[in-house]
């Protein structure tokens, strides 16, 4: 199947809308304002073209992350599948909009900085005893440490030698 894929750079034009569905699905809707520039030979200066507004749809984990860290005015780079929506306005005239079903979204770091935080994966999260707050070994079912510091006064770190199943829990990938 042939699809039209594109990348757009622009600014978030309004607050992001998050839709959560009964089955647990999540969709984030972003209005992206994209203004391109060109060099005008007559005026010997750069000139802005017309601003285009693109509706960006993000789904699942991408939608949750966008909702947590993207705000109105943020510069974004979006890549995904391009399509159009067509409808009829109240006055009977046809309307249309550009839509990108996002595969990836990131901050444009040309004029600012951003900090990346990896989401925990389910296998990286140890089981915790609800009564004591201690970490439960995934292999033996016995307690192996505390989740938030404890008798040892530590920071709640698990000793990988005591529970080999948790040895790679802190690995970045």
N, C-alpha and C. Protein backbone atom coordinates (compact mmCIF):
# COMPACT_ATOMS: atom_id res chain seq x y z
N UNK A 1 0.84 -1.17 0.00
CA UNK A 1 0.00 0.00 0.00
C UNK A 1 0.89 1.24 0.00
N UNK A 2 0.58 2.16 -0.83
CA UNK A 2 1.36 3.40 -0.92
C UNK A 2 0.75 4.46 -0.02
N UNK A 3 1.61 5.10 0.73
CA UNK A 3 1.17 6.16 1.63
C UNK A 3 2.03 7.38 1.41
N UNK A 4 1.46 8.52 1.66
CA UNK A 4 2.19 9.77 1.57
C UNK A 4 2.71 10.12 2.97
N UNK A 5 4.02 10.01 3.16
CA UNK A 5 4.63 10.32 4.44
C UNK A 5 5.30 11.69 4.35
N UNK A 6 5.26 12.42 5.46
CA UNK A 6 5.82 13.76 5.46
C UNK A 6 6.37 14.11 6.84
N UNK A 7 7.15 15.16 6.87
CA UNK A 7 7.64 15.73 8.12
C UNK A 7 7.29 17.21 8.12
N UNK A 8 6.73 17.69 9.21
CA UNK A 8 6.36 19.10 9.33
C UNK A 8 7.02 19.69 10.56
N UNK A 9 7.46 20.94 10.43
CA UNK A 9 8.02 21.69 11.55
C UNK A 9 7.13 22.90 11.78
N UNK A 10 6.69 23.10 13.01
CA UNK A 10 5.83 24.24 13.32
C UNK A 10 5.65 24.40 14.81
N UNK A 11 4.73 25.28 15.18
CA UNK A 11 4.45 25.56 16.59
C UNK A 11 3.05 25.09 16.95
N UNK A 12 2.89 24.61 18.18
CA UNK A 12 1.59 24.18 18.67
C UNK A 12 0.70 25.43 18.77
N UNK A 13 -0.41 25.44 18.05
CA UNK A 13 -1.25 26.63 17.95
C UNK A 13 -2.25 26.78 19.09
N UNK A 14 -2.66 25.69 19.71
CA UNK A 14 -3.60 25.77 20.83
C UNK A 14 -3.38 24.59 21.76
N UNK A 15 -4.03 24.63 22.92
CA UNK A 15 -3.85 23.56 23.89
C UNK A 15 -4.19 22.20 23.28
N UNK A 16 -3.46 21.19 23.66
CA UNK A 16 -3.64 19.84 23.14
C UNK A 16 -4.90 19.23 23.74
N UNK A 17 -5.65 18.51 22.92
CA UNK A 17 -6.85 17.81 23.36
C UNK A 17 -6.52 16.34 23.50
N UNK A 18 -6.84 15.76 24.64
CA UNK A 18 -6.60 14.34 24.90
C UNK A 18 -7.96 13.65 25.02
N UNK A 19 -8.14 12.58 24.25
CA UNK A 19 -9.35 11.76 24.33
C UNK A 19 -8.97 10.40 24.88
N UNK A 20 -9.62 10.00 25.97
CA UNK A 20 -9.41 8.67 26.53
C UNK A 20 -10.68 7.86 26.30
N UNK A 21 -10.50 6.63 25.83
CA UNK A 21 -11.63 5.78 25.46
C UNK A 21 -11.82 4.69 26.50
N UNK A 22 -13.05 4.14 26.60
CA UNK A 22 -13.33 3.11 27.61
C UNK A 22 -12.42 1.88 27.52
N UNK A 23 -11.95 1.56 26.32
CA UNK A 23 -11.08 0.38 26.17
C UNK A 23 -9.63 0.67 26.56
N UNK A 24 -9.33 1.88 27.04
CA UNK A 24 -7.99 2.25 27.47
C UNK A 24 -7.19 2.98 26.41
N UNK A 25 -7.71 3.09 25.20
CA UNK A 25 -7.01 3.80 24.14
C UNK A 25 -6.98 5.30 24.39
N UNK A 26 -5.94 5.94 23.85
CA UNK A 26 -5.77 7.38 24.04
C UNK A 26 -5.41 8.01 22.70
N UNK A 27 -5.98 9.18 22.42
CA UNK A 27 -5.63 9.95 21.24
C UNK A 27 -5.37 11.39 21.66
N UNK A 28 -4.28 11.96 21.15
CA UNK A 28 -3.98 13.37 21.37
C UNK A 28 -4.17 14.10 20.05
N UNK A 29 -4.80 15.27 20.10
CA UNK A 29 -5.02 16.07 18.90
C UNK A 29 -4.27 17.39 19.08
N UNK A 30 -3.40 17.67 18.11
CA UNK A 30 -2.55 18.87 18.16
C UNK A 30 -2.83 19.70 16.92
N UNK A 31 -2.99 21.01 17.10
CA UNK A 31 -3.07 21.93 15.96
C UNK A 31 -1.70 22.54 15.79
N UNK A 32 -1.08 22.26 14.65
CA UNK A 32 0.27 22.70 14.37
C UNK A 32 0.23 23.83 13.33
N UNK A 33 0.81 24.98 13.68
CA UNK A 33 0.89 26.12 12.76
C UNK A 33 2.25 26.07 12.07
N UNK A 34 2.23 25.98 10.73
CA UNK A 34 3.46 25.86 9.95
C UNK A 34 3.56 27.05 9.01
N UNK A 35 4.61 27.84 9.16
CA UNK A 35 4.85 29.00 8.30
C UNK A 35 6.21 28.84 7.65
N UNK A 36 6.21 28.71 6.32
CA UNK A 36 7.49 28.60 5.63
C UNK A 36 7.96 29.99 5.21
N UNK A 37 9.24 30.10 4.89
CA UNK A 37 9.84 31.38 4.50
C UNK A 37 10.55 31.21 3.18
N UNK A 38 10.69 32.30 2.47
CA UNK A 38 11.47 32.29 1.24
C UNK A 38 12.23 33.61 1.13
N UNK A 39 13.29 33.58 0.30
CA UNK A 39 14.09 34.77 0.10
C UNK A 39 13.51 35.56 -1.07
N UNK A 40 13.09 36.80 -0.81
CA UNK A 40 12.51 37.67 -1.83
C UNK A 40 13.63 38.49 -2.47
N UNK A 41 13.89 38.21 -3.74
CA UNK A 41 14.96 38.91 -4.46
C UNK A 41 14.70 40.42 -4.53
N UNK A 42 13.42 40.80 -4.66
CA UNK A 42 13.07 42.22 -4.79
C UNK A 42 13.41 43.02 -3.55
N UNK A 43 13.05 42.50 -2.38
CA UNK A 43 13.30 43.23 -1.14
C UNK A 43 14.62 42.84 -0.49
N UNK A 44 15.29 41.83 -1.04
CA UNK A 44 16.57 41.34 -0.50
C UNK A 44 16.43 40.93 0.98
N UNK A 45 15.30 40.29 1.29
CA UNK A 45 15.03 39.86 2.65
C UNK A 45 14.15 38.60 2.62
N UNK A 46 14.10 37.92 3.74
CA UNK A 46 13.23 36.75 3.84
C UNK A 46 11.80 37.20 4.12
N UNK A 47 10.84 36.49 3.53
CA UNK A 47 9.43 36.82 3.68
C UNK A 47 8.67 35.55 4.08
N UNK A 48 7.70 35.70 4.99
CA UNK A 48 6.87 34.56 5.40
C UNK A 48 5.80 34.29 4.36
N UNK A 49 5.55 33.00 4.15
CA UNK A 49 4.41 32.60 3.33
C UNK A 49 3.19 32.50 4.23
N UNK A 50 2.08 32.10 3.66
CA UNK A 50 0.84 31.91 4.42
C UNK A 50 1.03 30.80 5.46
N UNK A 51 0.49 30.99 6.65
CA UNK A 51 0.55 29.97 7.69
C UNK A 51 -0.47 28.89 7.38
N UNK A 52 0.00 27.65 7.40
CA UNK A 52 -0.88 26.49 7.21
C UNK A 52 -1.10 25.85 8.57
N UNK A 53 -2.32 25.41 8.82
CA UNK A 53 -2.63 24.72 10.07
C UNK A 53 -2.87 23.25 9.77
N UNK A 54 -2.17 22.40 10.49
CA UNK A 54 -2.26 20.96 10.30
C UNK A 54 -2.77 20.34 11.59
N UNK A 55 -3.73 19.43 11.47
CA UNK A 55 -4.21 18.69 12.63
C UNK A 55 -3.37 17.43 12.73
N UNK A 56 -2.76 17.21 13.90
CA UNK A 56 -1.90 16.06 14.13
C UNK A 56 -2.60 15.14 15.13
N UNK A 57 -2.71 13.86 14.75
CA UNK A 57 -3.28 12.85 15.64
C UNK A 57 -2.15 11.93 16.11
N UNK A 58 -2.05 11.77 17.43
CA UNK A 58 -1.10 10.83 18.02
C UNK A 58 -1.91 9.83 18.82
N UNK A 59 -1.49 8.59 18.80
CA UNK A 59 -2.25 7.55 19.48
C UNK A 59 -1.38 6.76 20.45
N UNK A 60 -2.04 6.05 21.37
CA UNK A 60 -1.42 5.15 22.34
C UNK A 60 -0.34 5.84 23.18
N UNK A 61 0.82 5.23 23.31
CA UNK A 61 1.88 5.76 24.18
C UNK A 61 2.35 7.13 23.71
N UNK A 62 2.42 7.33 22.39
CA UNK A 62 2.83 8.63 21.87
C UNK A 62 1.87 9.72 22.34
N UNK A 63 0.57 9.43 22.35
CA UNK A 63 -0.42 10.41 22.81
C UNK A 63 -0.23 10.73 24.29
N UNK A 64 0.03 9.72 25.09
CA UNK A 64 0.25 9.95 26.54
C UNK A 64 1.48 10.82 26.78
N UNK A 65 2.54 10.56 26.05
CA UNK A 65 3.78 11.32 26.23
C UNK A 65 3.62 12.76 25.73
N UNK A 66 2.93 12.92 24.60
CA UNK A 66 2.67 14.27 24.07
C UNK A 66 1.85 15.07 25.09
N UNK A 67 0.83 14.44 25.65
CA UNK A 67 -0.01 15.12 26.62
C UNK A 67 0.75 15.54 27.87
N UNK A 68 1.81 14.80 28.20
CA UNK A 68 2.58 15.10 29.40
C UNK A 68 3.63 16.19 29.20
N UNK A 69 4.11 16.39 27.96
CA UNK A 69 5.26 17.29 27.83
C UNK A 69 5.16 18.34 26.72
N UNK A 70 4.10 18.34 25.91
CA UNK A 70 3.98 19.33 24.84
C UNK A 70 2.89 20.33 25.22
N UNK A 71 3.19 21.62 25.00
CA UNK A 71 2.27 22.68 25.39
C UNK A 71 2.09 23.68 24.26
N UNK A 72 1.06 24.48 24.36
CA UNK A 72 0.80 25.53 23.38
C UNK A 72 2.04 26.41 23.22
N UNK A 73 2.42 26.68 21.96
CA UNK A 73 3.57 27.51 21.66
C UNK A 73 4.87 26.74 21.44
N UNK A 74 4.91 25.46 21.84
CA UNK A 74 6.14 24.67 21.68
C UNK A 74 6.44 24.43 20.21
N UNK A 75 7.72 24.54 19.82
CA UNK A 75 8.10 24.19 18.45
C UNK A 75 8.25 22.67 18.34
N UNK A 76 7.61 22.08 17.33
CA UNK A 76 7.63 20.62 17.17
C UNK A 76 8.11 20.22 15.78
N UNK A 77 8.61 19.00 15.71
CA UNK A 77 8.86 18.32 14.45
C UNK A 77 8.00 17.06 14.49
N UNK A 78 7.15 16.90 13.47
CA UNK A 78 6.21 15.79 13.42
C UNK A 78 6.44 15.02 12.13
N UNK A 79 6.47 13.71 12.22
CA UNK A 79 6.55 12.90 11.02
C UNK A 79 5.45 11.85 11.06
N UNK A 80 4.87 11.57 9.90
CA UNK A 80 3.79 10.60 9.85
C UNK A 80 3.12 10.56 8.49
N UNK A 81 1.92 9.99 8.47
CA UNK A 81 1.15 9.80 7.24
C UNK A 81 0.26 11.02 7.00
N UNK A 82 0.40 11.63 5.83
CA UNK A 82 -0.36 12.82 5.47
C UNK A 82 -1.66 12.44 4.78
N UNK A 83 -2.74 13.12 5.15
CA UNK A 83 -4.03 12.93 4.49
C UNK A 83 -4.83 14.23 4.61
N UNK A 84 -6.04 14.23 4.07
CA UNK A 84 -6.91 15.40 4.20
C UNK A 84 -8.25 14.98 4.76
N UNK A 85 -8.91 15.89 5.44
CA UNK A 85 -10.30 15.72 5.88
C UNK A 85 -11.14 16.72 5.10
N UNK A 86 -12.28 16.28 4.63
CA UNK A 86 -13.21 17.17 3.94
C UNK A 86 -14.56 17.11 4.62
N UNK A 87 -15.23 18.26 4.71
CA UNK A 87 -16.53 18.35 5.34
C UNK A 87 -17.29 19.51 4.72
N UNK A 88 -18.54 19.65 5.16
CA UNK A 88 -19.36 20.76 4.68
C UNK A 88 -19.57 21.73 5.83
N UNK A 89 -19.29 23.00 5.57
CA UNK A 89 -19.46 24.03 6.60
C UNK A 89 -20.93 24.33 6.83
N UNK A 90 -21.21 25.12 7.88
CA UNK A 90 -22.59 25.49 8.20
C UNK A 90 -23.24 26.27 7.07
N UNK A 91 -22.42 27.06 6.33
CA UNK A 91 -22.97 27.84 5.22
C UNK A 91 -23.08 27.02 3.94
N UNK A 92 -22.80 25.72 4.01
CA UNK A 92 -22.94 24.84 2.84
C UNK A 92 -21.69 24.74 1.98
N UNK A 93 -20.68 25.54 2.26
CA UNK A 93 -19.45 25.49 1.47
C UNK A 93 -18.57 24.35 1.96
N UNK A 94 -17.81 23.74 1.06
CA UNK A 94 -16.93 22.66 1.49
C UNK A 94 -15.72 23.19 2.27
N UNK A 95 -15.28 22.42 3.20
CA UNK A 95 -14.08 22.76 3.97
C UNK A 95 -13.13 21.58 3.93
N UNK A 96 -11.87 21.85 4.18
CA UNK A 96 -10.88 20.78 4.22
C UNK A 96 -9.75 21.15 5.18
N UNK A 97 -9.04 20.13 5.63
CA UNK A 97 -7.88 20.37 6.49
C UNK A 97 -6.84 19.29 6.22
N UNK A 98 -5.59 19.66 6.45
CA UNK A 98 -4.50 18.71 6.36
C UNK A 98 -4.39 17.96 7.68
N UNK A 99 -4.10 16.67 7.60
CA UNK A 99 -4.00 15.83 8.79
C UNK A 99 -2.73 15.00 8.70
N UNK A 100 -2.03 14.89 9.82
CA UNK A 100 -0.90 13.97 9.91
C UNK A 100 -1.21 12.98 11.03
N UNK A 101 -1.20 11.69 10.68
CA UNK A 101 -1.28 10.64 11.69
C UNK A 101 0.15 10.36 12.12
N UNK A 102 0.52 10.86 13.27
CA UNK A 102 1.92 10.91 13.70
C UNK A 102 2.49 9.55 14.04
N UNK A 103 3.72 9.36 13.59
CA UNK A 103 4.52 8.21 13.99
C UNK A 103 5.55 8.64 15.03
N UNK A 104 6.02 9.88 14.92
CA UNK A 104 7.00 10.41 15.86
C UNK A 104 6.80 11.91 16.00
N UNK A 105 6.98 12.40 17.22
CA UNK A 105 6.86 13.82 17.52
C UNK A 105 8.00 14.19 18.45
N UNK A 106 8.64 15.32 18.18
CA UNK A 106 9.71 15.77 19.07
C UNK A 106 9.79 17.28 19.09
N UNK A 107 10.40 17.81 20.13
CA UNK A 107 10.63 19.25 20.20
C UNK A 107 11.69 19.64 19.18
N UNK A 108 11.50 20.78 18.52
CA UNK A 108 12.50 21.35 17.62
C UNK A 108 13.51 22.07 18.52
N UNK A 109 14.74 21.59 18.54
CA UNK A 109 15.75 22.12 19.45
C UNK A 109 16.59 23.24 18.84
N UNK A 110 16.12 23.81 17.73
CA UNK A 110 16.86 24.88 17.07
C UNK A 110 17.02 26.10 17.98
N UNK A 111 15.98 26.45 18.71
CA UNK A 111 16.02 27.67 19.52
C UNK A 111 15.83 27.41 21.01
N UNK A 112 15.96 26.18 21.45
CA UNK A 112 15.78 25.88 22.87
C UNK A 112 16.26 24.49 23.20
N UNK A 113 16.18 24.14 24.47
CA UNK A 113 16.65 22.84 24.95
C UNK A 113 15.48 22.06 25.53
N UNK A 114 15.63 20.76 25.56
CA UNK A 114 14.61 19.88 26.11
C UNK A 114 15.31 18.76 26.85
N UNK A 115 14.63 18.13 27.79
CA UNK A 115 15.22 17.02 28.53
C UNK A 115 14.40 15.78 28.29
N UNK A 116 15.07 14.68 27.94
CA UNK A 116 14.40 13.42 27.64
C UNK A 116 14.34 12.55 28.89
N UNK A 117 13.18 11.96 29.12
CA UNK A 117 12.99 11.03 30.22
C UNK A 117 12.34 9.78 29.67
N UNK A 118 13.01 8.65 29.82
CA UNK A 118 12.47 7.38 29.32
C UNK A 118 11.34 6.92 30.24
N UNK A 119 10.25 6.42 29.64
CA UNK A 119 9.16 5.84 30.41
C UNK A 119 9.57 4.48 30.91
N UNK A 120 9.16 4.11 32.10
CA UNK A 120 9.49 2.77 32.57
C UNK A 120 8.71 1.72 31.77
N UNK A 121 9.38 0.64 31.43
CA UNK A 121 8.69 -0.47 30.78
C UNK A 121 8.17 -1.39 31.87
N UNK A 122 7.13 -2.11 31.58
CA UNK A 122 6.50 -2.97 32.59
C UNK A 122 7.51 -3.96 33.17
N UNK A 123 8.38 -4.54 32.36
CA UNK A 123 9.32 -5.52 32.89
C UNK A 123 10.38 -4.87 33.78
N UNK A 124 10.53 -3.54 33.70
CA UNK A 124 11.51 -2.85 34.52
C UNK A 124 10.95 -2.47 35.89
N UNK A 125 9.65 -2.64 36.08
CA UNK A 125 9.03 -2.26 37.33
C UNK A 125 8.89 -3.49 38.22
N UNK A 126 9.60 -3.54 39.34
CA UNK A 126 9.50 -4.71 40.20
C UNK A 126 8.15 -4.76 40.91
N UNK A 127 7.75 -5.96 41.33
CA UNK A 127 6.54 -6.11 42.12
C UNK A 127 6.82 -5.61 43.52
N UNK A 128 5.85 -4.89 44.10
CA UNK A 128 6.02 -4.30 45.43
C UNK A 128 4.91 -4.83 46.33
N UNK A 129 5.28 -5.27 47.53
CA UNK A 129 4.31 -5.72 48.51
C UNK A 129 3.51 -4.51 48.97
N UNK A 130 2.19 -4.55 48.80
CA UNK A 130 1.34 -3.40 49.13
C UNK A 130 1.34 -3.08 50.62
N UNK A 131 1.54 -4.07 51.47
CA UNK A 131 1.50 -3.85 52.91
C UNK A 131 2.79 -3.25 53.46
N UNK A 132 3.94 -3.72 52.96
CA UNK A 132 5.20 -3.28 53.53
C UNK A 132 5.98 -2.34 52.64
N UNK A 133 5.67 -2.32 51.34
CA UNK A 133 6.40 -1.48 50.41
C UNK A 133 7.73 -2.08 49.98
N UNK A 134 7.96 -3.35 50.32
CA UNK A 134 9.21 -4.01 49.96
C UNK A 134 9.10 -4.64 48.58
N UNK A 135 10.25 -4.77 47.93
CA UNK A 135 10.30 -5.35 46.60
C UNK A 135 10.26 -6.87 46.71
N UNK A 136 9.45 -7.49 45.85
CA UNK A 136 9.29 -8.94 45.84
C UNK A 136 10.09 -9.52 44.68
N UNK A 137 10.86 -10.56 44.92
CA UNK A 137 11.64 -11.22 43.88
C UNK A 137 10.70 -11.85 42.87
N UNK A 138 10.99 -11.66 41.59
CA UNK A 138 10.16 -12.25 40.55
C UNK A 138 10.47 -13.72 40.35
N UNK A 139 11.61 -14.19 40.87
CA UNK A 139 11.97 -15.60 40.71
C UNK A 139 11.61 -16.43 41.92
N UNK A 140 11.80 -15.90 43.12
CA UNK A 140 11.56 -16.70 44.33
C UNK A 140 10.29 -16.30 45.07
N UNK A 141 9.78 -15.10 44.82
CA UNK A 141 8.60 -14.63 45.53
C UNK A 141 8.90 -14.08 46.91
N UNK A 142 10.19 -14.07 47.31
CA UNK A 142 10.56 -13.55 48.63
C UNK A 142 10.93 -12.08 48.54
N UNK A 143 10.96 -11.42 49.69
CA UNK A 143 11.31 -10.01 49.75
C UNK A 143 12.81 -9.84 49.53
N UNK A 144 13.21 -8.83 48.72
CA UNK A 144 14.62 -8.64 48.43
C UNK A 144 15.14 -7.26 48.78
N UNK A 145 14.30 -6.33 49.11
CA UNK A 145 14.75 -4.98 49.43
C UNK A 145 13.56 -4.08 49.66
N UNK A 146 13.83 -2.81 49.83
CA UNK A 146 12.75 -1.86 50.03
C UNK A 146 12.61 -0.97 48.81
N UNK A 147 11.41 -0.50 48.57
CA UNK A 147 11.16 0.33 47.41
C UNK A 147 11.53 1.78 47.64
N UNK A 148 11.54 2.24 48.89
CA UNK A 148 11.82 3.65 49.15
C UNK A 148 12.77 3.82 50.31
N UNK A 149 13.85 3.09 50.29
CA UNK A 149 14.77 3.17 51.42
C UNK A 149 14.22 2.33 52.55
N UNK A 150 15.01 1.96 53.46
CA UNK A 150 14.48 1.13 54.53
C UNK A 150 15.48 1.00 55.63
N UNK A 151 15.57 -0.23 56.17
CA UNK A 151 16.46 -0.46 57.29
C UNK A 151 17.90 -0.14 56.95
N UNK A 152 18.29 -0.40 55.68
CA UNK A 152 19.67 -0.13 55.31
C UNK A 152 19.92 1.35 55.07
N UNK A 153 18.84 2.17 55.08
CA UNK A 153 18.97 3.61 54.89
C UNK A 153 19.32 4.00 53.47
N UNK A 154 19.27 3.03 52.56
CA UNK A 154 19.61 3.30 51.16
C UNK A 154 18.49 3.98 50.42
N UNK A 155 18.69 4.11 49.15
CA UNK A 155 17.72 4.78 48.30
C UNK A 155 16.74 3.80 47.69
N UNK A 156 16.60 2.61 48.30
CA UNK A 156 15.65 1.65 47.78
C UNK A 156 16.19 0.86 46.61
N UNK A 157 17.49 0.75 46.49
CA UNK A 157 18.07 0.02 45.39
C UNK A 157 18.06 -1.47 45.68
N UNK A 158 17.88 -2.28 44.63
CA UNK A 158 17.85 -3.73 44.76
C UNK A 158 19.24 -4.26 44.46
N UNK A 159 19.68 -5.24 45.21
CA UNK A 159 20.96 -5.88 44.96
C UNK A 159 20.76 -6.95 43.90
N UNK A 160 21.32 -6.78 42.69
CA UNK A 160 21.10 -7.75 41.62
C UNK A 160 21.61 -9.14 41.95
N UNK A 161 22.58 -9.26 42.86
CA UNK A 161 23.08 -10.58 43.22
C UNK A 161 22.05 -11.34 44.03
N UNK A 162 21.19 -10.63 44.75
CA UNK A 162 20.16 -11.29 45.54
C UNK A 162 18.98 -11.68 44.68
N UNK A 163 18.74 -10.94 43.58
CA UNK A 163 17.64 -11.27 42.67
C UNK A 163 18.11 -11.07 41.23
N UNK A 164 18.63 -12.12 40.59
CA UNK A 164 19.15 -12.00 39.23
C UNK A 164 18.10 -11.52 38.24
N UNK A 165 16.81 -11.74 38.50
CA UNK A 165 15.77 -11.30 37.56
C UNK A 165 15.70 -9.79 37.46
N UNK A 166 16.20 -9.09 38.49
CA UNK A 166 16.16 -7.64 38.49
C UNK A 166 17.50 -7.03 38.09
N UNK A 167 18.44 -7.83 37.66
CA UNK A 167 19.79 -7.36 37.37
C UNK A 167 19.83 -6.30 36.29
N UNK A 168 18.95 -6.41 35.28
CA UNK A 168 18.98 -5.42 34.19
C UNK A 168 17.88 -4.38 34.32
N UNK A 169 17.23 -4.28 35.49
CA UNK A 169 16.12 -3.34 35.65
C UNK A 169 16.54 -1.90 35.45
N UNK A 170 17.79 -1.58 35.74
CA UNK A 170 18.24 -0.20 35.58
C UNK A 170 18.86 0.07 34.23
N UNK A 171 18.89 -0.92 33.36
CA UNK A 171 19.52 -0.74 32.04
C UNK A 171 18.74 0.27 31.22
N UNK A 172 19.41 1.16 30.51
CA UNK A 172 18.71 2.18 29.76
C UNK A 172 17.94 1.66 28.56
N UNK A 173 18.30 0.48 28.03
CA UNK A 173 17.60 -0.03 26.85
C UNK A 173 17.16 -1.46 27.05
